[in-house]
Amino acid sequence: MELMGSTLTSTYTRPKTSHFLPAISNMATSYQNSQPATTMNAIANQWRNNSYYKSNMLVPIQPSMQRNGLDLVRANTMFYPSNRSVLGTRFTPDDWYKSNQSNYRESESSRNSAERLRRDTIRLMQDKDQLTRRTQENTSKNIGERLNDIVFWRSELSHEIDNMVTEIAALSEVKRRLERALAETEGPLQVSQECLYHREKRMSIDLVHDDVEKDLIKEVEVIKSCQERMRRYLDRAVAQLASNRAAQHELERDLSDKVTAQRIDDRCHHLRNTSDGIGYYRGIDRLDPTVSLPDSWSKFTDDNILLSQSQRASSHKLRDEIEILLNTTSNEMWNQFNNVNVAFTNRISETGDAKNSLQSHLAKTLQEIFQTEMLIESVKKALRDKEGPLKVAQTRLEERTRRPNIELCRDNPFHRLVGEVREIEDTIIKLQERLMEAESTLQTLVKTKVTLEHDLSVKANSLFLDQEKCMSIRKTFPSMPRLVGYT
């Protein structure tokens, strides 16, 4: 609106940049000029005539009119009414229309870009949300399957631990029985040794290595052999118990780890996005504290169970062997005990018969002197005959010790030579015993009544030792159940 009588001053600010129109959007694309700067300057200069520039030059530019690098050009044409018709308009309608169309197109393009970005972002958020939900469901499913595996192996471990506890109790009971049976063997061993000690008090010719003494020595050997086997099996039982307990400890430790892992995985399985206690743990996905794989994890527990089963099988086998050992040793000792008693009975009977025979053969003493002397000579000659074979056998053995290096072999000739030497020595011992008996008999024949009476006293002493001393203490031999380990 123009007031009458007032002076209008038209002022515009032209920036040094080449932008033609002000921005109408906050998008970056809206700040771009749709026309080149040179074109815009040419269009602007089309309507400026010479009088415009002359009038413009009359107005000096003050320093206060320069702000931020912009030149303020004051058009003083309005002060001169005669110049209004000369200036005309600054833009054409076509420029105005093009400017509007450019802004429309740029606005539509910006809106389309924004709408496309919005749609893509919404679709991306929906896809990622579904992907996250599916991934979380799969993870929960995997944790659930893992829980099932842990529950399975935990039940297997519990079952195996129960079996191992039962086996340890059974083996401990058998071990106690074995200890009691071993303690029960001390009595028979003492009886046998005492019988041997009493029989050492026999006099003269009755101090013979007879069947009773052989059976007594064998009984001592049998008892000591049984004790040695019992001690050996007792050591095996102790070691097996230690192995069983070690296997049980491994199973229990594995079970404890399974219980802890099940508790942790069960808590993880029930965690939800709204659960308490969840939080950020930056960088946790880059850590790998694992020490096993699924195959090695299941193999570890399976190996523990297999080891426990192997130890249980060994323990069960050992229990069977101990049961067999208890029965075998008790039978051996009991049978040998009966054999010794039978030998004692026979020996007592023989000694009694010998005592009666001495009295009946007293009259035949003189007749037997000559035959006895011949017998002595025969035994001596037999002993001399054994010297040659004994020397040969011993010389062979001595010569064969000079074989070098690996040739010094324990071969069949070696065993045969050793057996031959021992056989000849045993023969010589027996012949010497027979010689002593013959000489004793000869002396008895020579001494007649005195020697016979002395021999009769020897037989009486032997009968007393065997019948009164030995047989009386052998009645304390333990029973079969006690030898097997039952109280």
Protein backbone atom coordinates (compact mmCIF):
# COMPACT_ATOMS: atom_id res chain seq x y z
CA MET A 1 0.00 0.00 0.00
CA GLU A 2 1.44 3.32 -1.04
CA LEU A 3 0.76 6.48 1.06
CA MET A 4 0.37 9.80 -0.67
CA GLY A 5 3.09 12.35 0.04
CA SER A 6 5.56 9.77 1.35
CA THR A 7 8.78 8.65 -0.17
CA LEU A 8 9.19 4.91 -0.66
CA THR A 9 12.60 3.43 -0.74
CA SER A 10 12.90 -0.01 -2.30
CA THR A 11 15.76 -2.00 -0.72
CA TYR A 12 16.73 -5.67 -1.31
CA THR A 13 19.56 -7.74 -0.15
CA ARG A 14 21.48 -9.74 -2.70
CA PRO A 15 23.83 -12.35 -1.29
CA LYS A 16 27.12 -13.05 -2.93
CA THR A 17 25.97 -16.63 -3.55
CA SER A 18 24.13 -17.62 -6.67
CA HIS A 19 20.87 -18.72 -4.94
CA PHE A 20 17.85 -17.30 -6.62
CA LEU A 21 15.01 -18.12 -4.23
CA PRO A 22 14.99 -18.65 -0.46
CA ALA A 23 14.76 -22.18 0.92
CA ILE A 24 11.33 -23.51 1.90
CA SER A 25 12.34 -26.91 3.31
CA ASN A 26 14.82 -28.26 5.79
CA MET A 27 15.91 -31.03 3.43
CA ALA A 28 19.36 -30.76 1.94
CA THR A 29 17.95 -31.02 -1.58
CA SER A 30 15.86 -27.89 -1.05
CA TYR A 31 18.98 -25.75 -0.72
CA GLN A 32 20.22 -26.54 -4.20
CA ASN A 33 19.64 -23.99 -6.95
CA SER A 34 17.72 -25.36 -9.91
CA GLN A 35 19.21 -22.78 -12.34
CA PRO A 36 22.79 -21.74 -12.91
CA ALA A 37 24.02 -18.53 -11.44
CA THR A 38 24.96 -17.05 -14.77
CA THR A 39 21.44 -17.53 -16.11
CA MET A 40 19.87 -15.89 -13.09
CA ASN A 41 22.18 -12.91 -13.36
CA ALA A 42 21.37 -12.55 -17.02
CA ILE A 43 17.65 -12.62 -16.31
CA ALA A 44 18.05 -10.04 -13.56
CA ASN A 45 20.03 -7.73 -15.78
CA GLN A 46 17.53 -7.81 -18.63
CA TRP A 47 15.25 -5.14 -17.12
CA ARG A 48 17.98 -2.84 -15.72
CA ASN A 49 18.52 0.16 -18.08
CA ASN A 50 21.15 2.85 -18.01
CA SER A 51 19.14 5.22 -15.92
CA TYR A 52 18.87 2.54 -13.21
CA TYR A 53 22.58 2.18 -12.97
CA LYS A 54 23.09 5.94 -13.07
CA SER A 55 20.64 6.53 -10.28
CA ASN A 56 22.17 3.68 -8.31
CA MET A 57 25.60 5.13 -8.64
CA LEU A 58 24.37 8.40 -7.07
CA VAL A 59 23.76 6.69 -3.75
CA PRO A 60 26.96 6.02 -1.84
CA ILE A 61 27.34 2.72 0.03
CA GLN A 62 27.79 3.29 3.70
CA PRO A 63 29.84 0.89 5.87
CA SER A 64 26.76 0.26 8.00
CA MET A 65 25.05 -1.10 4.91
CA GLN A 66 27.57 -3.99 4.59
CA ARG A 67 26.58 -6.90 6.84
CA ASN A 68 28.03 -10.37 6.77
CA GLY A 69 29.55 -10.08 3.29
CA LEU A 70 26.30 -8.82 1.66
CA ASP A 71 26.09 -5.54 -0.34
CA LEU A 72 22.97 -3.52 0.33
CA VAL A 73 21.97 -1.80 -2.80
CA ARG A 74 19.45 0.89 -2.36
CA ALA A 75 17.33 1.69 -5.37
CA ASN A 76 16.39 5.34 -5.21
CA THR A 77 14.09 5.19 -8.16
CA MET A 78 11.11 5.58 -5.91
CA PHE A 79 12.36 9.02 -4.97
CA TYR A 80 11.90 9.98 -8.54
CA PRO A 81 8.42 9.32 -9.81
CA SER A 82 9.53 9.98 -13.32
CA ASN A 83 11.72 6.76 -13.23
CA ARG A 84 9.01 4.27 -12.17
CA SER A 85 7.82 3.69 -15.64
CA VAL A 86 11.35 3.21 -16.82
CA LEU A 87 12.27 0.41 -14.32
CA GLY A 88 9.44 -1.95 -15.08
CA THR A 89 9.32 -5.44 -13.40
CA ARG A 90 12.36 -7.47 -12.15
CA PHE A 91 11.08 -11.06 -13.14
CA THR A 92 8.91 -12.34 -15.89
CA PRO A 93 5.81 -14.48 -15.27
CA ASP A 94 7.60 -17.34 -16.91
CA ASP A 95 10.38 -17.05 -14.33
CA TRP A 96 7.86 -16.97 -11.59
CA TYR A 97 6.06 -20.02 -12.97
CA LYS A 98 9.26 -21.96 -13.44
CA SER A 99 10.36 -21.12 -9.93
CA ASN A 100 7.09 -22.40 -8.53
CA GLN A 101 7.22 -25.58 -10.61
CA SER A 102 10.79 -26.19 -9.48
CA ASN A 103 9.76 -25.83 -5.86
CA TYR A 104 6.81 -28.16 -6.43
CA ARG A 105 8.97 -30.80 -8.03
CA GLU A 106 11.61 -30.51 -5.35
CA SER A 107 8.98 -30.70 -2.60
CA GLU A 108 7.36 -33.75 -4.21
CA SER A 109 10.73 -35.45 -4.62
CA SER A 110 11.60 -34.75 -0.97
CA ARG A 111 8.25 -36.12 0.19
CA ASN A 112 8.63 -39.23 -1.97
CA SER A 113 12.12 -39.83 -0.60
CA ALA A 114 10.91 -39.34 2.94
CA GLU A 115 7.93 -41.65 2.36
CA ARG A 116 10.12 -44.30 0.76
CA LEU A 117 12.60 -44.07 3.61
CA ARG A 118 9.76 -44.34 6.13
CA ARG A 119 8.33 -47.43 4.42
CA ASP A 120 11.74 -49.09 4.12
CA THR A 121 12.57 -48.31 7.73
CA ILE A 122 9.25 -49.71 8.98
CA ARG A 123 9.70 -52.84 6.89
CA LEU A 124 13.31 -53.20 8.10
CA MET A 125 12.22 -52.84 11.73
CA GLN A 126 9.49 -55.44 11.24
CA ASP A 127 11.86 -57.89 9.51
CA LYS A 128 14.56 -57.44 12.12
CA ASP A 129 12.01 -57.80 14.90
CA GLN A 130 10.78 -61.09 13.43
CA LEU A 131 14.38 -62.23 12.90
CA THR A 132 15.29 -61.36 16.50
CA ARG A 133 12.19 -63.16 17.79
CA ARG A 134 12.93 -66.27 15.70
CA THR A 135 16.57 -66.26 16.76
CA GLN A 136 15.57 -65.97 20.41
CA GLU A 137 13.06 -68.81 20.02
CA ASN A 138 15.69 -71.00 18.36
CA THR A 139 18.15 -70.18 21.12
CA SER A 140 15.54 -71.06 23.77
CA LYS A 141 14.82 -74.28 21.90
CA ASN A 142 18.53 -75.13 21.80
CA ILE A 143 18.85 -74.43 25.51
CA GLY A 144 15.82 -76.67 26.13
CA GLU A 145 17.42 -79.47 24.12
CA ARG A 146 20.59 -78.93 26.07
CA LEU A 147 18.60 -79.23 29.30
CA ASN A 148 17.17 -82.53 28.08
CA ASP A 149 20.69 -83.80 27.39
CA ILE A 150 21.84 -82.70 30.85
CA VAL A 151 18.83 -84.38 32.49
CA PHE A 152 19.53 -87.59 30.58
CA TRP A 153 23.20 -87.73 31.56
CA ARG A 154 22.34 -86.68 35.11
CA SER A 155 19.95 -89.63 35.44
CA GLU A 156 22.60 -91.94 33.99
CA LEU A 157 25.16 -90.62 36.47
CA SER A 158 22.75 -91.00 39.40
CA HIS A 159 21.93 -94.57 38.40
CA GLU A 160 25.61 -95.42 38.04
CA ILE A 161 26.44 -93.82 41.39
CA ASP A 162 23.75 -95.92 43.10
CA ASN A 163 25.17 -99.06 41.51
CA MET A 164 28.68 -98.09 42.52
CA VAL A 165 27.63 -97.43 46.13
CA THR A 166 25.99 -100.86 46.26
CA GLU A 167 29.10 -102.46 44.79
CA ILE A 168 31.39 -100.71 47.26
CA ALA A 169 29.26 -101.95 50.16
CA ALA A 170 29.29 -105.51 48.81
CA LEU A 171 33.05 -105.47 48.24
CA SER A 172 33.63 -104.03 51.72
CA GLU A 173 31.61 -106.87 53.25
CA VAL A 174 33.59 -109.48 51.31
CA LYS A 175 36.79 -107.72 52.38
CA ARG A 176 35.75 -107.97 56.04
CA ARG A 177 34.99 -111.66 55.61
CA LEU A 178 38.39 -112.14 54.03
CA GLU A 179 40.07 -110.39 56.95
CA ARG A 180 38.21 -112.60 59.43
CA ALA A 181 39.12 -115.73 57.47
CA LEU A 182 42.75 -114.64 57.40
CA ALA A 183 42.70 -114.15 61.15
CA GLU A 184 41.16 -117.63 61.60
CA THR A 185 44.12 -119.26 59.82
CA GLU A 186 46.50 -118.24 62.59
CA GLY A 187 45.09 -120.92 64.92
CA PRO A 188 45.61 -123.91 62.55
CA LEU A 189 49.05 -122.61 61.63
CA GLN A 190 50.04 -122.44 65.29
CA VAL A 191 48.69 -125.96 65.87
CA SER A 192 50.68 -127.39 62.95
CA GLN A 193 53.88 -125.67 64.01
CA GLU A 194 53.40 -126.83 67.59
CA CYS A 195 52.93 -130.41 66.40
CA LEU A 196 56.18 -130.17 64.47
CA TYR A 197 57.84 -128.76 67.57
CA HIS A 198 56.57 -131.65 69.74
CA ARG A 199 57.64 -134.24 67.20
CA GLU A 200 61.16 -132.81 67.29
CA LYS A 201 61.35 -134.35 70.75
CA ARG A 202 61.28 -137.84 69.32
CA MET A 203 64.39 -139.84 70.13
CA SER A 204 66.81 -141.89 68.14
CA ILE A 205 65.43 -143.72 65.15
CA ASP A 206 61.94 -142.40 65.66
CA LEU A 207 63.12 -138.95 64.68
CA VAL A 208 62.30 -139.75 61.10
CA HIS A 209 60.85 -137.72 58.26
CA ASP A 210 57.71 -139.80 58.13
CA ASP A 211 54.35 -139.21 56.50
CA VAL A 212 53.08 -137.37 59.52
CA GLU A 213 55.91 -134.90 59.38
CA LYS A 214 55.52 -134.53 55.64
CA ASP A 215 51.82 -133.89 56.00
CA LEU A 216 52.45 -131.46 58.85
CA ILE A 217 54.98 -129.54 56.78
CA LYS A 218 52.57 -129.62 53.88
CA GLU A 219 49.83 -128.37 56.17
CA VAL A 220 52.02 -125.46 57.24
CA GLU A 221 52.78 -124.72 53.61
CA VAL A 222 49.12 -124.95 52.67
CA ILE A 223 48.11 -122.59 55.46
CA LYS A 224 50.88 -120.14 54.61
CA SER A 225 49.97 -120.37 50.94
CA CYS A 226 46.34 -119.68 51.80
CA GLN A 227 47.38 -116.75 53.94
CA GLU A 228 49.55 -115.40 51.17
CA ARG A 229 46.72 -115.65 48.67
CA MET A 230 44.34 -114.06 51.14
CA ARG A 231 46.72 -111.19 51.75
CA ARG A 232 47.20 -110.75 48.02
CA TYR A 233 43.47 -110.67 47.42
CA LEU A 234 43.07 -108.41 50.42
CA ASP A 235 45.51 -105.94 48.85
CA ARG A 236 43.60 -106.22 45.58
CA ALA A 237 40.36 -105.57 47.42
CA VAL A 238 41.83 -102.47 49.07
CA ALA A 239 43.11 -101.22 45.72
CA GLN A 240 39.78 -102.01 44.05
CA LEU A 241 37.91 -100.16 46.76
CA ALA A 242 40.16 -97.17 46.19
CA SER A 243 39.49 -97.38 42.43
CA ASN A 244 35.75 -97.70 43.06
CA ARG A 245 35.74 -94.69 45.34
CA ALA A 246 37.81 -92.73 42.81
CA ALA A 247 35.31 -93.60 40.07
CA GLN A 248 32.46 -92.68 42.43
CA HIS A 249 34.17 -89.36 43.18
CA GLU A 250 34.48 -88.60 39.46
CA LEU A 251 30.83 -89.48 38.95
CA GLU A 252 29.73 -87.32 41.87
CA ARG A 253 31.86 -84.40 40.70
CA ASP A 254 30.46 -84.76 37.18
CA LEU A 255 26.96 -84.99 38.64
CA SER A 256 27.56 -81.86 40.70
CA ASP A 257 28.71 -80.03 37.59
CA LYS A 258 25.63 -81.28 35.75
CA VAL A 259 23.36 -80.03 38.55
CA THR A 260 25.01 -76.61 38.44
CA ALA A 261 24.85 -76.47 34.64
CA GLN A 262 21.20 -77.56 34.70
CA ARG A 263 20.35 -74.82 37.19
CA ILE A 264 22.11 -72.20 35.09
CA ASP A 265 20.64 -73.38 31.78
CA ASP A 266 17.19 -73.70 33.33
CA ARG A 267 17.41 -70.08 34.48
CA CYS A 268 18.63 -69.05 31.03
CA HIS A 269 15.80 -71.04 29.43
CA HIS A 270 13.19 -69.17 31.45
CA LEU A 271 14.68 -65.73 30.86
CA ARG A 272 12.43 -63.37 28.88
CA ASN A 273 12.78 -59.83 27.63
CA THR A 274 10.80 -58.67 30.67
CA SER A 275 12.72 -60.77 33.20
CA ASP A 276 14.59 -59.25 36.10
CA GLY A 277 18.35 -59.40 36.26
CA ILE A 278 19.06 -58.99 32.54
CA GLY A 279 21.52 -56.37 31.43
CA TYR A 280 24.22 -55.40 28.97
CA TYR A 281 27.55 -57.24 29.02
CA ARG A 282 29.65 -55.50 26.42
CA GLY A 283 32.07 -57.73 24.54
CA ILE A 284 30.78 -60.98 26.09
CA ASP A 285 30.16 -62.40 22.62
CA ARG A 286 33.86 -62.04 21.80
CA LEU A 287 34.90 -64.16 24.77
CA ASP A 288 35.16 -67.95 24.43
CA PRO A 289 35.66 -69.51 27.87
CA THR A 290 34.48 -72.94 26.70
CA VAL A 291 36.69 -75.98 27.31
CA SER A 292 34.72 -78.65 25.45
CA LEU A 293 32.52 -79.38 22.47
CA PRO A 294 29.18 -81.24 22.52
CA ASP A 295 30.91 -84.45 21.41
CA SER A 296 33.74 -84.16 23.93
CA TRP A 297 31.22 -83.10 26.63
CA SER A 298 29.06 -86.20 26.18
CA LYS A 299 32.17 -88.36 25.71
CA PHE A 300 33.57 -87.12 29.03
CA THR A 301 30.48 -88.25 30.95
CA ASP A 302 30.23 -91.43 28.90
CA ASP A 303 33.88 -92.21 29.66
CA ASN A 304 33.23 -91.65 33.38
CA ILE A 305 30.25 -94.02 33.26
CA LEU A 306 32.20 -96.59 31.23
CA LEU A 307 35.10 -96.33 33.68
CA SER A 308 32.71 -96.81 36.59
CA GLN A 309 31.08 -99.78 34.87
CA SER A 310 34.50 -101.26 34.18
CA GLN A 311 35.50 -100.79 37.82
CA ARG A 312 32.20 -102.33 38.94
CA ALA A 313 32.78 -105.31 36.65
CA SER A 314 36.31 -105.71 38.03
CA SER A 315 34.97 -105.38 41.56
CA HIS A 316 32.23 -107.95 40.93
CA LYS A 317 34.80 -110.30 39.41
CA LEU A 318 37.09 -109.76 42.39
CA ARG A 319 34.24 -110.53 44.80
CA ASP A 320 33.57 -113.79 42.96
CA GLU A 321 37.25 -114.63 43.07
CA ILE A 322 37.38 -113.91 46.80
CA GLU A 323 34.34 -116.12 47.37
CA ILE A 324 36.03 -118.89 45.40
CA LEU A 325 39.26 -118.26 47.30
CA LEU A 326 37.54 -118.53 50.68
CA ASN A 327 35.88 -121.80 49.73
CA THR A 328 39.03 -123.16 48.12
CA THR A 329 41.34 -122.26 50.98
CA SER A 330 38.94 -123.58 53.59
CA ASN A 331 38.60 -126.85 51.69
CA GLU A 332 42.36 -127.12 51.23
CA MET A 333 43.07 -126.51 54.90
CA TRP A 334 40.29 -128.80 56.02
CA ASN A 335 41.35 -131.60 53.67
CA GLN A 336 44.95 -131.29 54.74
CA PHE A 337 43.83 -131.27 58.35
CA ASN A 338 42.05 -134.58 57.78
CA ASN A 339 45.06 -135.96 55.91
CA VAL A 340 47.33 -135.10 58.84
CA ASN A 341 44.93 -136.74 61.27
CA VAL A 342 44.83 -139.88 59.15
CA ALA A 343 48.63 -139.87 58.95
CA PHE A 344 48.82 -139.48 62.73
CA THR A 345 46.44 -142.39 63.21
CA ASN A 346 48.45 -144.55 60.86
CA ARG A 347 51.70 -143.52 62.44
CA ILE A 348 50.44 -144.28 65.92
CA SER A 349 49.28 -147.66 64.73
CA GLU A 350 52.62 -148.30 63.09
CA THR A 351 54.53 -147.28 66.17
CA GLY A 352 52.42 -149.60 68.32
CA ASP A 353 52.99 -152.46 65.92
CA ALA A 354 56.69 -151.72 65.89
CA LYS A 355 56.78 -151.84 69.63
CA ASN A 356 55.11 -155.25 69.64
CA SER A 357 57.36 -156.46 66.87
CA LEU A 358 60.47 -155.51 68.81
CA GLN A 359 59.45 -157.88 71.55
CA SER A 360 58.62 -160.68 69.14
CA HIS A 361 61.84 -160.26 67.17
CA LEU A 362 64.11 -160.24 70.16
CA ALA A 363 64.71 -163.96 69.78
CA LYS A 364 65.71 -163.58 66.17
CA THR A 365 68.38 -160.98 66.85
CA LEU A 366 71.42 -163.16 66.38
CA GLN A 367 70.09 -164.57 63.14
CA GLU A 368 69.64 -161.13 61.77
CA ILE A 369 73.12 -159.86 62.61
CA PHE A 370 74.72 -161.43 59.53
CA GLN A 371 71.96 -160.28 57.24
CA THR A 372 72.14 -156.85 58.71
CA GLU A 373 75.87 -156.62 58.05
CA MET A 374 75.29 -157.69 54.47
CA LEU A 375 72.61 -155.07 54.16
CA ILE A 376 74.97 -152.40 55.47
CA GLU A 377 77.57 -153.33 52.90
CA SER A 378 74.98 -153.27 50.14
CA VAL A 379 73.82 -149.80 51.15
CA LYS A 380 77.38 -148.52 51.31
CA LYS A 381 78.13 -150.02 47.93
CA ALA A 382 74.99 -148.36 46.57
CA LEU A 383 76.14 -145.06 48.04
CA ARG A 384 79.52 -145.47 46.37
CA ASP A 385 77.79 -146.29 43.12
CA LYS A 386 75.88 -143.04 43.36
CA GLU A 387 79.05 -140.96 43.68
CA GLY A 388 79.93 -141.34 39.99
CA PRO A 389 76.54 -140.27 38.58
CA LEU A 390 76.37 -137.43 41.10
CA LYS A 391 79.83 -136.18 40.11
CA VAL A 392 78.95 -136.42 36.42
CA ALA A 393 75.72 -134.49 36.86
CA GLN A 394 77.31 -131.80 39.01
CA THR A 395 80.30 -131.53 36.63
CA ARG A 396 77.90 -131.07 33.71
CA LEU A 397 76.12 -128.34 35.55
CA GLU A 398 79.38 -126.64 36.44
CA GLU A 399 80.70 -126.84 32.88
CA ARG A 400 77.48 -125.43 31.43
CA THR A 401 77.82 -122.35 33.62
CA ARG A 402 80.74 -121.33 31.39
CA ARG A 403 78.52 -120.84 28.35
CA PRO A 404 79.01 -117.29 27.01
CA ASN A 405 76.42 -114.51 26.95
CA ILE A 406 73.04 -115.51 25.60
CA GLU A 407 74.02 -119.15 25.41
CA LEU A 408 73.70 -119.27 29.21
CA CYS A 409 70.14 -120.48 28.76
CA ARG A 410 67.82 -122.17 31.23
CA ASP A 411 67.02 -124.95 28.77
CA ASN A 412 65.63 -128.44 29.18
CA PRO A 413 69.08 -130.01 29.81
CA PHE A 414 69.57 -127.57 32.66
CA HIS A 415 66.26 -128.53 34.26
CA ARG A 416 66.99 -132.22 33.70
CA LEU A 417 70.47 -131.96 35.25
CA VAL A 418 69.13 -130.14 38.27
CA GLY A 419 66.44 -132.76 38.68
CA GLU A 420 69.00 -135.51 38.28
CA VAL A 421 71.26 -134.01 40.96
CA ARG A 422 68.39 -133.61 43.36
CA GLU A 423 67.13 -137.08 42.60
CA ILE A 424 70.55 -138.64 43.26
CA GLU A 425 70.99 -136.57 46.41
CA ASP A 426 67.55 -137.66 47.59
CA THR A 427 68.49 -141.25 46.84
CA ILE A 428 71.72 -140.85 48.79
CA ILE A 429 69.82 -139.36 51.72
CA LYS A 430 67.37 -142.22 51.73
CA LEU A 431 70.15 -144.74 51.41
CA GLN A 432 71.97 -143.04 54.25
CA GLU A 433 68.83 -143.23 56.33
CA ARG A 434 68.53 -146.89 55.52
CA LEU A 435 72.16 -147.32 56.39
CA MET A 436 71.63 -145.66 59.72
CA GLU A 437 68.64 -147.88 60.35
CA ALA A 438 70.65 -150.94 59.42
CA GLU A 439 73.52 -149.94 61.68
CA SER A 440 71.09 -149.11 64.42
CA THR A 441 69.48 -152.48 63.90
CA LEU A 442 72.87 -154.13 63.98
CA GLN A 443 73.73 -152.35 67.16
CA THR A 444 70.37 -153.36 68.51
CA LEU A 445 71.05 -156.92 67.60
CA VAL A 446 74.44 -156.71 69.20
CA LYS A 447 73.29 -155.05 72.30
CA THR A 448 70.43 -157.52 72.48
CA LYS A 449 68.10 -156.92 75.33
CA VAL A 450 69.46 -153.50 76.37
CA THR A 451 69.15 -152.08 72.88
CA LEU A 452 65.70 -153.55 72.43
CA GLU A 453 64.54 -152.14 75.75
CA HIS A 454 65.92 -148.69 74.71
CA ASP A 455 64.12 -148.92 71.41
CA LEU A 456 60.96 -149.85 73.20
CA SER A 457 61.29 -146.70 75.31
CA VAL A 458 61.78 -144.63 72.17
CA LYS A 459 58.59 -146.06 70.69
CA ALA A 460 56.75 -145.32 73.88
CA ASN A 461 57.92 -141.71 73.73
CA SER A 462 56.85 -141.38 70.11
CA LEU A 463 53.44 -142.79 70.90
CA PHE A 464 53.07 -140.33 73.72
CA LEU A 465 54.03 -137.38 71.54
CA ASP A 466 51.80 -138.31 68.64
CA GLN A 467 48.83 -139.60 70.58
CA GLU A 468 48.76 -137.40 73.64
CA LYS A 469 50.51 -134.18 72.68
CA CYS A 470 49.70 -133.69 69.02
CA MET A 471 46.26 -135.26 68.65
CA SER A 472 44.91 -133.48 71.70
CA ILE A 473 45.73 -129.98 70.45
CA ARG A 474 44.47 -130.71 66.96
CA LYS A 475 40.92 -130.81 68.27
CA THR A 476 40.92 -127.00 68.33
CA PHE A 477 40.95 -126.71 64.52
CA PRO A 478 38.30 -124.15 63.43
CA SER A 479 35.14 -125.13 61.61
CA MET A 480 34.37 -124.57 57.94
CA PRO A 481 32.11 -121.50 58.42
CA ARG A 482 34.79 -119.75 60.41
CA LEU A 483 37.39 -120.52 57.73
CA VAL A 484 35.05 -119.02 55.12
CA GLY A 485 34.84 -115.80 57.15
CA TYR A 486 31.46 -116.16 58.84
CA THR A 487 31.31 -115.56 62.55
